[in-house]
PDB file of N, CA and C in Angstrom:
ATOM      1  N   UNK A   1     101.331  70.479  97.636  1.00  0.00           N
ATOM      2  CA  UNK A   1     100.915  71.058  98.904  1.00  0.00           C
ATOM      3  C   UNK A   1      99.383  71.098  98.930  1.00  0.00           C
ATOM      4  N   UNK A   2      98.806  70.586  99.991  1.00  0.00           N
ATOM      5  CA  UNK A   2      97.351  70.589 100.113  1.00  0.00           C
ATOM      6  C   UNK A   2      96.860  71.965 100.555  1.00  0.00           C
ATOM      7  N   UNK A   3      95.571  72.178 100.408  1.00  0.00           N
ATOM      8  CA  UNK A   3      94.982  73.437 100.859  1.00  0.00           C
ATOM      9  C   UNK A   3      95.224  73.628 102.347  1.00  0.00           C
ATOM     10  N   UNK A   4      95.063  72.565 103.118  1.00  0.00           N
ATOM     11  CA  UNK A   4      95.291  72.653 104.555  1.00  0.00           C
ATOM     12  C   UNK A   4      96.715  73.074 104.889  1.00  0.00           C
ATOM     13  N   UNK A   5      97.684  72.494 104.195  1.00  0.00           N
ATOM     14  CA  UNK A   5      99.085  72.859 104.415  1.00  0.00           C
ATOM     15  C   UNK A   5      99.333  74.318 104.064  1.00  0.00           C
ATOM     16  N   UNK A   6      98.714  74.768 102.974  1.00  0.00           N
ATOM     17  CA  UNK A   6      98.873  76.159 102.539  1.00  0.00           C
ATOM     18  C   UNK A   6      98.257  77.104 103.572  1.00  0.00           C
ATOM     19  N   UNK A   7      97.064  76.773 104.078  1.00  0.00           N
ATOM     20  CA  UNK A   7      96.426  77.619 105.095  1.00  0.00           C
ATOM     21  C   UNK A   7      97.258  77.681 106.371  1.00  0.00           C
ATOM     22  N   UNK A   8      97.824  76.547 106.765  1.00  0.00           N
ATOM     23  CA  UNK A   8      98.674  76.521 107.952  1.00  0.00           C
ATOM     24  C   UNK A   8      99.914  77.388 107.740  1.00  0.00           C
ATOM     25  N   UNK A   9     100.537  77.269 106.571  1.00  0.00           N
ATOM     26  CA  UNK A   9     101.727  78.062 106.273  1.00  0.00           C
ATOM     27  C   UNK A   9     101.413  79.563 106.248  1.00  0.00           C
ATOM     28  N   UNK A  10     100.272  79.920 105.667  1.00  0.00           N
ATOM     29  CA  UNK A  10      99.885  81.330 105.618  1.00  0.00           C
ATOM     30  C   UNK A  10      99.619  81.882 107.018  1.00  0.00           C
ATOM     31  N   UNK A  11      98.975  81.070 107.855  1.00  0.00           N
ATOM     32  CA  UNK A  11      98.703  81.519 109.219  1.00  0.00           C
ATOM     33  C   UNK A  11     100.003  81.737 109.985  1.00  0.00           C
ATOM     34  N   UNK A  12     100.913  80.796 109.867  1.00  0.00           N
ATOM     35  CA  UNK A  12     102.191  80.932 110.570  1.00  0.00           C
ATOM     36  C   UNK A  12     102.987  82.122 110.034  1.00  0.00           C
ATOM     37  N   UNK A  13     102.970  82.304 108.721  1.00  0.00           N
ATOM     38  CA  UNK A  13     103.690  83.424 108.113  1.00  0.00           C
ATOM     39  C   UNK A  13     103.136  84.762 108.603  1.00  0.00           C
ATOM     40  N   UNK A  14     101.827  84.810 108.805  1.00  0.00           N
ATOM     41  CA  UNK A  14     101.202  86.049 109.269  1.00  0.00           C
ATOM     42  C   UNK A  14     101.430  86.300 110.749  1.00  0.00           C
ATOM     43  N   UNK A  15     101.860  85.261 111.481  1.00  0.00           N
ATOM     44  CA  UNK A  15     102.090  85.401 112.919  1.00  0.00           C
ATOM     45  C   UNK A  15     100.808  85.379 113.737  1.00  0.00           C
ATOM     46  N   UNK A  16      99.729  84.940 113.120  1.00  0.00           N
ATOM     47  CA  UNK A  16      98.444  84.900 113.810  1.00  0.00           C
ATOM     48  C   UNK A  16      98.225  83.541 114.454  1.00  0.00           C
ATOM     49  N   UNK A  17      97.503  83.553 115.563  1.00  0.00           N
ATOM     50  CA  UNK A  17      97.128  82.294 116.199  1.00  0.00           C
ATOM     51  C   UNK A  17      95.887  81.753 115.510  1.00  0.00           C
ATOM     52  N   UNK A  18      95.600  80.495 115.739  1.00  0.00           N
ATOM     53  CA  UNK A  18      94.396  79.886 115.179  1.00  0.00           C
ATOM     54  C   UNK A  18      93.152  80.602 115.711  1.00  0.00           C
ATOM     55  N   UNK A  19      93.203  81.011 116.969  1.00  0.00           N
ATOM     56  CA  UNK A  19      92.078  81.729 117.566  1.00  0.00           C
ATOM     57  C   UNK A  19      91.874  83.094 116.905  1.00  0.00           C
ATOM     58  N   UNK A  20      92.965  83.790 116.603  1.00  0.00           N
ATOM     59  CA  UNK A  20      92.850  85.091 115.928  1.00  0.00           C
ATOM     60  C   UNK A  20      92.226  84.935 114.545  1.00  0.00           C
ATOM     61  N   UNK A  21      92.612  83.887 113.842  1.00  0.00           N
ATOM     62  CA  UNK A  21      92.047  83.629 112.517  1.00  0.00           C
ATOM     63  C   UNK A  21      90.558  83.315 112.641  1.00  0.00           C
ATOM     64  N   UNK A  22      90.214  82.442 113.573  1.00  0.00           N
ATOM     65  CA  UNK A  22      88.805  82.077 113.725  1.00  0.00           C
ATOM     66  C   UNK A  22      87.962  83.284 114.121  1.00  0.00           C
ATOM     67  N   UNK A  23      88.475  84.128 114.995  1.00  0.00           N
ATOM     68  CA  UNK A  23      87.748  85.349 115.379  1.00  0.00           C
ATOM     69  C   UNK A  23      87.580  86.283 114.188  1.00  0.00           C
ATOM     70  N   UNK A  24      88.626  86.420 113.387  1.00  0.00           N
ATOM     71  CA  UNK A  24      88.574  87.299 112.227  1.00  0.00           C
ATOM     72  C   UNK A  24      87.603  86.832 111.154  1.00  0.00           C
ATOM     73  N   UNK A  25      87.360  85.524 111.118  1.00  0.00           N
ATOM     74  CA  UNK A  25      86.471  84.964 110.101  1.00  0.00           C
ATOM     75  C   UNK A  25      85.072  84.683 110.625  1.00  0.00           C
ATOM     76  N   UNK A  26      84.924  84.748 111.942  1.00  0.00           N
ATOM     77  CA  UNK A  26      83.616  84.450 112.525  1.00  0.00           C
ATOM     78  C   UNK A  26      83.275  82.974 112.509  1.00  0.00           C
ATOM     79  N   UNK A  27      84.296  82.135 112.664  1.00  0.00           N
ATOM     80  CA  UNK A  27      84.098  80.686 112.715  1.00  0.00           C
ATOM     81  C   UNK A  27      84.754  80.154 113.984  1.00  0.00           C
ATOM     82  N   UNK A  28      84.505  78.901 114.289  1.00  0.00           N
ATOM     83  CA  UNK A  28      85.101  78.291 115.469  1.00  0.00           C
ATOM     84  C   UNK A  28      86.558  77.900 115.207  1.00  0.00           C
ATOM     85  N   UNK A  29      87.291  77.740 116.285  1.00  0.00           N
ATOM     86  CA  UNK A  29      88.676  77.250 116.166  1.00  0.00           C
ATOM     87  C   UNK A  29      88.682  75.845 115.568  1.00  0.00           C
ATOM     88  N   UNK A  30      87.641  75.069 115.869  1.00  0.00           N
ATOM     89  CA  UNK A  30      87.549  73.714 115.325  1.00  0.00           C
ATOM     90  C   UNK A  30      87.424  73.738 113.805  1.00  0.00           C
ATOM     91  N   UNK A  31      86.699  74.725 113.271  1.00  0.00           N
ATOM     92  CA  UNK A  31      86.567  74.841 111.814  1.00  0.00           C
ATOM     93  C   UNK A  31      87.927  75.106 111.179  1.00  0.00           C
ATOM     94  N   UNK A  32      88.679  76.032 111.750  1.00  0.00           N
ATOM     95  CA  UNK A  32      90.015  76.350 111.226  1.00  0.00           C
ATOM     96  C   UNK A  32      90.919  75.129 111.331  1.00  0.00           C
ATOM     97  N   UNK A  33      90.814  74.402 112.431  1.00  0.00           N
ATOM     98  CA  UNK A  33      91.610  73.192 112.617  1.00  0.00           C
ATOM     99  C   UNK A  33      91.274  72.145 111.566  1.00  0.00           C
ATOM    100  N   UNK A  34      90.005  71.975 111.258  1.00  0.00           N
ATOM    101  CA  UNK A  34      89.600  70.997 110.237  1.00  0.00           C
ATOM    102  C   UNK A  34      90.075  71.403 108.856  1.00  0.00           C
ATOM    103  N   UNK A  35      90.134  72.712 108.593  1.00  0.00           N
ATOM    104  CA  UNK A  35      90.652  73.171 107.306  1.00  0.00           C
ATOM    105  C   UNK A  35      92.119  72.818 107.177  1.00  0.00           C
ATOM    106  N   UNK A  36      92.894  73.057 108.238  1.00  0.00           N
ATOM    107  CA  UNK A  36      94.343  72.846 108.143  1.00  0.00           C
ATOM    108  C   UNK A  36      94.709  71.366 108.075  1.00  0.00           C
ATOM    109  N   UNK A  37      93.808  70.497 108.529  1.00  0.00           N
ATOM    110  CA  UNK A  37      94.070  69.059 108.455  1.00  0.00           C
ATOM    111  C   UNK A  37      93.340  68.401 107.286  1.00  0.00           C
ATOM    112  N   UNK A  38      92.774  69.229 106.404  1.00  0.00           N
ATOM    113  CA  UNK A  38      92.085  68.771 105.198  1.00  0.00           C
ATOM    114  C   UNK A  38      90.890  67.855 105.479  1.00  0.00           C
ATOM    115  N   UNK A  39      90.289  68.014 106.654  1.00  0.00           N
ATOM    116  CA  UNK A  39      89.069  67.260 106.957  1.00  0.00           C
ATOM    117  C   UNK A  39      87.859  67.908 106.294  1.00  0.00           C
ATOM    118  N   UNK A  40      87.895  69.227 106.160  1.00  0.00           N
ATOM    119  CA  UNK A  40      86.857  69.984 105.465  1.00  0.00           C
ATOM    120  C   UNK A  40      87.533  71.116 104.711  1.00  0.00           C
ATOM    121  N   UNK A  41      86.762  71.789 103.858  1.00  0.00           N
ATOM    122  CA  UNK A  41      87.280  72.963 103.159  1.00  0.00           C
ATOM    123  C   UNK A  41      86.383  74.160 103.469  1.00  0.00           C
ATOM    124  N   UNK A  42      86.962  75.340 103.493  1.00  0.00           N
ATOM    125  CA  UNK A  42      86.157  76.529 103.785  1.00  0.00           C
ATOM    126  C   UNK A  42      85.202  76.863 102.646  1.00  0.00           C
ATOM    127  N   UNK A  43      84.074  77.468 103.015  1.00  0.00           N
ATOM    128  CA  UNK A  43      83.124  77.960 102.012  1.00  0.00           C
ATOM    129  C   UNK A  43      83.801  79.076 101.225  1.00  0.00           C
ATOM    130  N   UNK A  44      83.287  79.324 100.023  1.00  0.00           N
ATOM    131  CA  UNK A  44      83.873  80.344  99.159  1.00  0.00           C
ATOM    132  C   UNK A  44      83.893  81.709  99.847  1.00  0.00           C
ATOM    133  N   UNK A  45      82.845  82.040 100.594  1.00  0.00           N
ATOM    134  CA  UNK A  45      82.812  83.324 101.305  1.00  0.00           C
ATOM    135  C   UNK A  45      83.949  83.417 102.320  1.00  0.00           C
ATOM    136  N   UNK A  46      84.277  82.297 102.950  1.00  0.00           N
ATOM    137  CA  UNK A  46      85.376  82.278 103.920  1.00  0.00           C
ATOM    138  C   UNK A  46      86.724  82.344 103.204  1.00  0.00           C
ATOM    139  N   UNK A  47      86.802  81.766 102.014  1.00  0.00           N
ATOM    140  CA  UNK A  47      88.034  81.852 101.226  1.00  0.00           C
ATOM    141  C   UNK A  47      88.322  83.311 100.888  1.00  0.00           C
ATOM    142  N   UNK A  48      87.273  84.042 100.526  1.00  0.00           N
ATOM    143  CA  UNK A  48      87.447  85.465 100.236  1.00  0.00           C
ATOM    144  C   UNK A  48      87.954  86.213 101.479  1.00  0.00           C
ATOM    145  N   UNK A  49      87.380  85.908 102.632  1.00  0.00           N
ATOM    146  CA  UNK A  49      87.831  86.545 103.872  1.00  0.00           C
ATOM    147  C   UNK A  49      89.266  86.140 104.219  1.00  0.00           C
ATOM    148  N   UNK A  50      89.593  84.878 103.993  1.00  0.00           N
ATOM    149  CA  UNK A  50      90.970  84.414 104.232  1.00  0.00           C
ATOM    150  C   UNK A  50      91.950  85.174 103.346  1.00  0.00           C
ATOM    151  N   UNK A  51      91.581  85.366 102.092  1.00  0.00           N
ATOM    152  CA  UNK A  51      92.482  86.067 101.177  1.00  0.00           C
ATOM    153  C   UNK A  51      92.717  87.502 101.640  1.00  0.00           C
ATOM    154  N   UNK A  52      91.688  88.136 102.160  1.00  0.00           N
ATOM    155  CA  UNK A  52      91.846  89.493 102.679  1.00  0.00           C
ATOM    156  C   UNK A  52      92.671  89.485 103.961  1.00  0.00           C
ATOM    157  N   UNK A  53      92.423  88.512 104.818  1.00  0.00           N
ATOM    158  CA  UNK A  53      93.149  88.402 106.081  1.00  0.00           C
ATOM    159  C   UNK A  53      94.650  88.216 105.845  1.00  0.00           C
ATOM    160  N   UNK A  54      94.987  87.385 104.866  1.00  0.00           N
ATOM    161  CA  UNK A  54      96.392  87.089 104.571  1.00  0.00           C
ATOM    162  C   UNK A  54      96.962  87.960 103.446  1.00  0.00           C
ATOM    163  N   UNK A  55      96.140  88.853 102.906  1.00  0.00           N
ATOM    164  CA  UNK A  55      96.563  89.757 101.847  1.00  0.00           C
ATOM    165  C   UNK A  55      97.103  89.004 100.627  1.00  0.00           C
ATOM    166  N   UNK A  56      96.304  88.041 100.171  1.00  0.00           N
ATOM    167  CA  UNK A  56      96.656  87.256  98.986  1.00  0.00           C
ATOM    168  C   UNK A  56      95.459  87.211  98.052  1.00  0.00           C
ATOM    169  N   UNK A  57      95.699  86.806  96.823  1.00  0.00           N
ATOM    170  CA  UNK A  57      94.610  86.638  95.856  1.00  0.00           C
ATOM    171  C   UNK A  57      94.089  85.210  95.948  1.00  0.00           C
ATOM    172  N   UNK A  58      92.785  85.041  95.783  1.00  0.00           N
ATOM    173  CA  UNK A  58      92.237  83.692  95.733  1.00  0.00           C
ATOM    174  C   UNK A  58      91.818  83.324  94.313  1.00  0.00           C
ATOM    175  N   UNK A  59      92.125  84.172  93.356  1.00  0.00           N
ATOM    176  CA  UNK A  59      91.806  83.869  91.960  1.00  0.00           C
ATOM    177  C   UNK A  59      92.733  82.781  91.448  1.00  0.00           C
ATOM    178  N   UNK A  60      92.155  81.776  90.825  1.00  0.00           N
ATOM    179  CA  UNK A  60      92.943  80.717  90.228  1.00  0.00           C
ATOM    180  C   UNK A  60      92.392  80.448  88.835  1.00  0.00           C
ATOM    181  N   UNK A  61      93.179  80.775  87.808  1.00  0.00           N
ATOM    182  CA  UNK A  61      92.667  80.632  86.426  1.00  0.00           C
ATOM    183  C   UNK A  61      92.422  79.197  86.023  1.00  0.00           C
TER     184      UNK A  61
END
């Protein structure tokens, strides 16, 4: 599973729209769209915010 697929699954599981996620992170809807299609990856600071938004850990040993 790619990072984009995982982000899409987490967003759908949370019941949030792409716009709600982008507003919560302070980024554009286009940025979130590019993440979910693996065109780009979020900055580490945004990963931390995503983990809080979805209530998951971003630690990977």
